[in-house]
Protein backbone atom coordinates (compact mmCIF):
# COMPACT_ATOMS: atom_id res chain seq x y z
CA MET A 1 0.00 0.00 0.00
CA VAL A 2 1.25 3.46 -0.90
CA ARG A 3 1.66 5.89 2.00
CA SER A 4 -0.33 9.10 1.78
CA PHE A 5 1.34 12.15 0.32
CA THR A 6 1.35 14.02 3.63
CA ASN A 7 2.82 11.03 5.46
CA GLN A 8 5.56 10.74 2.82
CA ILE A 9 6.42 14.42 3.35
CA ARG A 10 6.40 13.95 7.13
CA ASP A 11 8.74 10.94 6.74
CA VAL A 12 11.18 13.02 4.68
CA ILE A 13 11.20 15.74 7.33
CA ASN A 14 11.52 13.30 10.24
CA ASN A 15 14.35 11.40 8.53
CA SER A 16 16.28 14.53 7.61
CA LYS A 17 19.61 15.34 9.20
CA LEU A 18 18.37 18.93 9.42
CA SER A 19 16.35 20.13 12.40
CA ARG A 20 12.79 21.28 11.82
CA TYR A 21 13.95 24.76 12.76
CA ALA A 22 16.62 24.68 10.02
CA ILE A 23 14.16 23.28 7.48
CA CYS A 24 11.68 26.04 8.29
CA LYS A 25 14.34 28.74 7.99
CA LEU A 26 15.73 27.40 4.71
CA ALA A 27 12.28 26.88 3.17
CA ASN A 28 10.86 30.12 4.58
CA ILE A 29 8.01 28.27 6.32
CA ASP A 30 6.60 29.57 9.58
CA GLN A 31 7.42 27.15 12.41
CA SER A 32 3.83 27.17 13.66
CA HIS A 33 2.59 26.09 10.19
CA MET A 34 5.16 23.31 10.10
CA SER A 35 4.18 22.18 13.60
CA ARG A 36 0.50 21.99 12.65
CA PHE A 37 1.35 20.12 9.46
CA MET A 38 3.53 17.62 11.31
CA SER A 39 0.81 16.99 13.91
CA GLY A 40 -1.83 16.50 11.23
CA SER A 41 -3.89 19.52 12.26
CA GLY A 42 -2.81 21.76 9.36
CA SER A 43 -1.57 21.76 5.81
CA LEU A 44 1.13 23.45 3.76
CA SER A 45 0.52 25.57 0.67
CA THR A 46 1.78 24.43 -2.70
CA ALA A 47 4.32 27.26 -2.57
CA SER A 48 5.59 25.99 0.79
CA LEU A 49 5.73 22.44 -0.58
CA ASP A 50 7.76 23.68 -3.56
CA ARG A 51 10.26 25.40 -1.25
CA LEU A 52 10.36 22.36 1.03
CA ALA A 53 11.06 20.08 -1.94
CA GLU A 54 13.95 22.33 -2.97
CA VAL A 55 15.46 22.38 0.55
CA MET A 56 15.02 18.63 1.03
CA SER A 57 16.28 17.84 -2.51
CA ILE A 58 13.22 15.80 -3.39
CA THR A 59 10.96 15.63 -6.41
CA ILE A 60 7.23 15.22 -6.04
CA HIS A 61 5.66 13.11 -8.80
CA ALA A 62 1.94 13.22 -9.37
CA PRO A 63 1.43 10.81 -12.26
CA HIS A 64 -2.05 10.29 -13.60
CA THR A 65 -1.71 6.91 -15.24
CA PRO A 66 -3.69 3.70 -14.82
CA GLU A 67 -0.50 1.88 -13.75
CA THR A 68 0.06 4.12 -10.73
CA GLY A 69 -3.57 4.72 -9.89
CA GLY A 70 -2.89 8.45 -9.90
CA GLY A 71 -0.86 8.14 -6.71
CA ILE A 72 1.74 10.63 -5.64
CA ARG A 73 5.29 9.53 -4.93
CA ILE A 74 8.33 11.34 -3.64
CA THR A 75 11.86 10.55 -4.76
CA PRO A 76 15.27 11.96 -3.90
CA ARG A 77 16.73 14.21 -6.55
CA THR A 78 19.81 13.06 -8.35
CA ARG A 79 22.60 15.55 -8.21
CA ARG A 80 24.57 16.38 -11.29
CA LYS A 81 28.28 15.77 -11.16
CA LYS A 82 30.34 18.93 -11.43
CA GLU A 83 32.55 18.99 -14.45
């Protein structure tokens, strides 16, 4: 079973080496919004999710194909090698 989108985001945050404080500062997300999101009593805007994805180096895929059932998945970004 695929984990919900919000639970996948929470997992990424919880498994990060960065503190929630640092994540909030880097992604320009108010700590109270992050706290409510993490507790399940609030949500994050798409703009906040975009900034969070950038800070956490993740890509959010929202495929709409019969094979995936339209589910959302989150994957780490691959970093380009410097030449």
